[in-house]
Protein backbone atom coordinates (compact mmCIF):
# COMPACT_ATOMS: atom_id res chain seq x y z
CA UNK A 1 -144.60 -34.86 44.47
CA UNK A 2 -145.21 -35.38 40.55
CA UNK A 3 -143.92 -38.16 38.18
CA UNK A 4 -141.07 -37.32 35.91
CA UNK A 5 -141.21 -38.52 32.20
CA UNK A 6 -138.81 -38.67 29.58
CA UNK A 7 -140.22 -38.24 26.16
CA UNK A 8 -137.27 -39.78 24.52
CA UNK A 9 -137.28 -42.94 26.75
CA UNK A 10 -140.02 -44.51 24.99
CA UNK A 11 -139.11 -47.93 23.40
CA UNK A 12 -141.18 -46.68 20.25
CA UNK A 13 -139.79 -43.01 19.94
CA UNK A 14 -136.20 -42.37 19.82
CA UNK A 15 -133.71 -39.43 19.09
CA UNK A 16 -131.19 -42.01 18.12
CA UNK A 17 -131.54 -44.26 15.14
CA UNK A 18 -129.39 -47.03 16.37
CA UNK A 19 -131.39 -50.31 15.71
CA UNK A 20 -134.21 -48.72 14.43
CA UNK A 21 -135.64 -48.55 10.93
CA UNK A 22 -136.18 -45.22 9.46
CA UNK A 23 -139.22 -44.10 7.35
CA UNK A 24 -138.74 -40.65 5.38
CA UNK A 25 -141.84 -38.62 5.39
CA UNK A 26 -142.83 -35.34 3.71
CA UNK A 27 -144.40 -32.93 5.77
CA UNK A 28 -146.22 -29.56 4.37
CA UNK A 29 -146.34 -26.84 7.06
CA UNK A 30 -147.05 -23.07 7.23
CA UNK A 31 -143.87 -20.93 7.31
CA UNK A 32 -144.60 -20.26 10.94
CA UNK A 33 -144.57 -23.66 11.93
CA UNK A 34 -141.28 -24.04 9.97
CA UNK A 35 -139.63 -21.05 11.44
CA UNK A 36 -140.76 -22.62 14.90
CA UNK A 37 -139.13 -25.65 14.19
CA UNK A 38 -135.88 -24.16 12.69
CA UNK A 39 -135.69 -21.75 16.10
CA UNK A 40 -136.62 -24.39 18.46
CA UNK A 41 -133.46 -26.54 16.73
CA UNK A 42 -131.40 -23.79 17.13
CA UNK A 43 -132.16 -22.89 20.50
CA UNK A 44 -131.67 -26.37 21.99
CA UNK A 45 -129.00 -27.64 19.63
CA UNK A 46 -131.27 -30.50 18.41
CA UNK A 47 -131.66 -31.37 14.64
CA UNK A 48 -135.42 -30.47 13.12
CA UNK A 49 -136.06 -33.95 13.13
CA UNK A 50 -134.97 -34.68 16.73
CA UNK A 51 -137.44 -31.49 17.62
CA UNK A 52 -140.31 -33.08 16.04
CA UNK A 53 -139.57 -36.50 17.35
CA UNK A 54 -139.33 -35.26 21.00
CA UNK A 55 -142.68 -33.16 20.53
CA UNK A 56 -144.08 -36.41 19.69
CA UNK A 57 -143.25 -38.27 22.42
CA UNK A 58 -144.36 -35.04 24.86
CA UNK A 59 -147.63 -35.41 23.10
CA UNK A 60 -147.79 -39.18 23.62
CA UNK A 61 -147.18 -38.64 27.50
CA UNK A 62 -149.89 -36.06 27.55
CA UNK A 63 -152.47 -37.90 25.60
CA UNK A 64 -151.79 -41.14 27.84
CA UNK A 65 -152.07 -38.74 31.04
CA UNK A 66 -155.35 -37.35 29.39
CA UNK A 67 -157.01 -40.62 29.12
CA UNK A 68 -156.09 -41.37 32.98
CA UNK A 69 -158.10 -38.34 33.69
CA UNK A 70 -154.87 -36.40 34.84
CA UNK A 71 -153.76 -32.26 34.01
CA UNK A 72 -150.97 -31.68 31.72
CA UNK A 73 -149.29 -28.05 31.84
CA UNK A 74 -146.32 -26.35 33.23
CA UNK A 75 -145.95 -26.21 37.32
CA UNK A 76 -143.34 -24.00 38.51
CA UNK A 77 -143.81 -26.47 41.82
CA UNK A 78 -145.42 -29.94 41.73
CA UNK A 79 -148.38 -28.89 43.93
CA UNK A 80 -149.88 -26.62 41.25
CA UNK A 81 -150.15 -25.71 37.50
CA UNK A 82 -149.38 -22.54 36.28
CA UNK A 83 -150.66 -23.47 32.96
CA UNK A 84 -152.56 -26.13 32.11
CA UNK A 85 -152.36 -27.73 28.30
CA UNK A 86 -155.93 -28.42 26.73
CA UNK A 87 -157.50 -29.05 23.21
CA UNK A 88 -156.50 -32.49 22.82
């Protein structure tokens, strides 16, 4: 059985602002990227900033797993990947 990682559980990345200094950053993106973030925010009930923070947390988990020689992907069951994520 696989290990479950909670991306928001990272000590350096958090969806909440409690006790954490914030940095404001301007981000230039394509219209498609903007619409994707806005759509995910609406679909999940998160803010657009929370969508980006969660995505960074998930990406960090994926990069760390890849460094350990693990495969990263989507699985219907813990035994086999249905979709492997590559290119990072």
